[in-house]
Amino acid sequence: MFCPRCEAEYRPGFTRCSDCGVDLVDSLEQKPARRRPSADDAPIVLRCFTTTFEAGIAHLQEIYFVWRPVLRDPSNDHVLEVAVEAGCALIVTHNVRDFVGSESFDVAAVKPGEFLRRIGDTK
C-alpha cells in the first residue's frame, strides 16, 4: 500500500497515511517525465513580494516544467519549479516538511534560522 501524496510505502493492513491522513492506494501512478518547453507552453510567474526591498532585488524567472506533483503538498510544487529553473540551492521556509523530496533536484529546504547560521549571521 502506498500514500498517493507523500509516496510512503506501508505494510499490508494499513489504510491511511499516518503523515498525510489520506487513504492508501495499491500502487502509485507513474509521474510524467520532466520535459523542456515547447512553443505551445505558457510561462508560470510567481510573485510573492512583501516588502519594497524584496521587489527591488527580485528577478523574473519563467518556468516551463511539466512534472507535477512532486512534493507532499502539490500547492508548493511551483516554488520548487522556480528554485530548480533559477539554479537555487536552497528554499528558505518554515514549512520544510512539505518540501521533502526537493533534494532529488539538488535543492534543500531549510528553516530561516538554519539559513542564517549557514550565511554566518547568527550562532
Protein backbone atom coordinates (compact mmCIF):
# COMPACT_ATOMS: atom_id res chain seq x y z
CA MET A 1 0.00 0.00 0.00
CA PHE A 2 1.20 3.50 -0.84
CA CYS A 3 0.29 7.04 0.08
CA PRO A 4 -0.62 8.89 -3.13
CA ARG A 5 0.53 12.21 -1.64
CA CYS A 6 3.91 11.51 0.02
CA GLU A 7 4.52 8.14 -1.68
CA ALA A 8 5.36 6.39 1.59
CA GLU A 9 5.03 2.61 1.45
CA TYR A 10 3.01 0.79 4.12
CA ARG A 11 2.76 -2.81 5.21
CA PRO A 12 -0.46 -4.71 4.46
CA GLY A 13 -3.26 -3.87 6.88
CA PHE A 14 -2.78 -0.10 6.88
CA THR A 15 -5.46 2.00 5.18
CA ARG A 16 -4.44 5.65 5.84
CA CYS A 17 -1.16 7.53 5.70
CA SER A 18 -0.04 8.46 9.20
CA ASP A 19 1.65 11.66 7.92
CA CYS A 20 -0.85 12.93 5.33
CA GLY A 21 -4.11 11.41 6.60
CA VAL A 22 -5.18 10.29 3.10
CA ASP A 23 -6.39 6.84 2.06
CA LEU A 24 -3.70 4.49 0.78
CA VAL A 25 -3.74 3.03 -2.74
CA ASP A 26 -2.47 -0.29 -4.10
CA SER A 27 0.05 1.28 -6.48
CA LEU A 28 1.37 4.70 -7.40
CA GLU A 29 0.71 6.34 -10.74
CA GLN A 30 3.78 6.95 -12.83
CA LYS A 31 4.76 10.58 -12.91
CA PRO A 32 5.21 12.26 -16.26
CA ALA A 33 8.85 12.84 -17.12
CA ARG A 34 10.26 16.33 -16.94
CA ARG A 35 10.25 17.99 -20.28
CA ARG A 36 11.64 21.19 -21.66
CA PRO A 37 9.39 23.91 -23.03
CA SER A 38 7.69 23.78 -26.37
CA ALA A 39 6.30 26.67 -28.39
CA ASP A 40 2.81 25.92 -27.01
CA ASP A 41 3.77 26.31 -23.33
CA ALA A 42 2.98 29.44 -21.35
CA PRO A 43 5.29 30.56 -18.53
CA ILE A 44 4.23 30.46 -14.89
CA VAL A 45 5.04 33.62 -12.99
CA LEU A 46 5.43 33.55 -9.20
CA ARG A 47 5.34 36.86 -7.36
CA CYS A 48 5.45 36.92 -3.57
CA PHE A 49 6.79 40.33 -2.54
CA THR A 50 6.06 41.50 0.97
CA THR A 51 8.45 44.45 1.06
CA THR A 52 9.88 47.03 -1.31
CA PHE A 53 13.32 45.56 -0.62
CA GLU A 54 12.24 42.14 -1.91
CA ALA A 55 10.70 43.65 -5.02
CA GLY A 56 13.89 45.62 -5.64
CA ILE A 57 16.14 42.56 -5.68
CA ALA A 58 13.66 40.27 -7.41
CA HIS A 59 14.27 38.67 -10.76
CA LEU A 60 11.61 37.39 -13.16
CA GLN A 61 12.10 33.67 -13.77
CA GLU A 62 9.99 31.91 -16.37
CA ILE A 63 9.44 28.19 -15.86
CA TYR A 64 8.08 25.57 -18.21
CA PHE A 65 8.49 22.22 -16.47
CA VAL A 66 5.60 19.78 -16.51
CA TRP A 67 6.41 17.31 -13.72
CA ARG A 68 3.81 17.86 -11.05
CA PRO A 69 3.04 16.61 -8.47
CA VAL A 70 6.41 16.02 -6.84
CA LEU A 71 6.05 17.34 -3.31
CA ARG A 72 3.85 16.17 -0.48
CA ASP A 73 1.72 19.30 -0.82
CA PRO A 74 1.12 19.92 -4.55
CA SER A 75 0.40 23.60 -3.85
CA ASN A 76 4.17 24.00 -3.19
CA ASP A 77 5.36 22.46 -6.47
CA HIS A 78 5.57 25.84 -8.19
CA VAL A 79 8.06 27.04 -5.56
CA LEU A 80 10.32 24.04 -6.27
CA GLU A 81 9.95 24.57 -10.03
CA VAL A 82 11.13 28.18 -9.75
CA ALA A 83 14.03 27.18 -7.49
CA VAL A 84 15.18 24.47 -9.94
CA GLU A 85 14.93 26.69 -13.01
CA ALA A 86 16.66 29.61 -11.26
CA GLY A 87 19.51 27.35 -10.10
CA CYS A 88 18.83 27.89 -6.39
CA ALA A 89 20.50 25.67 -3.82
CA LEU A 90 18.04 26.49 -1.01
CA ILE A 91 14.39 27.14 -0.35
CA VAL A 92 14.02 29.07 2.92
CA THR A 93 10.71 28.25 4.58
CA HIS A 94 9.13 27.45 7.93
CA ASN A 95 7.36 24.64 6.08
CA VAL A 96 10.33 22.30 5.38
CA ARG A 97 8.20 19.19 5.95
CA ASP A 98 6.24 19.83 2.76
CA PHE A 99 9.45 20.12 0.72
CA VAL A 100 10.69 16.57 1.38
CA GLY A 101 11.89 15.33 -1.98
CA SER A 102 13.36 18.64 -3.15
CA GLU A 103 16.82 17.16 -2.52
CA SER A 104 16.41 14.97 -5.60
CA PHE A 105 16.59 18.23 -7.59
CA ASP A 106 19.68 19.44 -5.65
CA VAL A 107 17.57 21.98 -3.75
CA ALA A 108 17.49 21.83 0.05
CA ALA A 109 14.63 23.23 2.12
CA VAL A 110 15.83 24.92 5.31
CA LYS A 111 14.21 26.96 8.06
CA PRO A 112 15.15 30.65 8.35
CA GLY A 113 17.32 30.04 11.42
CA GLU A 114 19.33 27.38 9.59
CA PHE A 115 19.74 29.72 6.62
CA LEU A 116 21.08 32.47 8.91
CA ARG A 117 23.53 30.02 10.50
CA ARG A 118 24.74 28.95 7.03
CA ILE A 119 25.45 32.51 5.98
CA GLY A 120 27.09 33.27 9.32
CA ASP A 121 24.56 35.81 10.58
CA THR A 122 23.85 34.02 13.87
CA LYS A 123 25.29 31.28 16.06
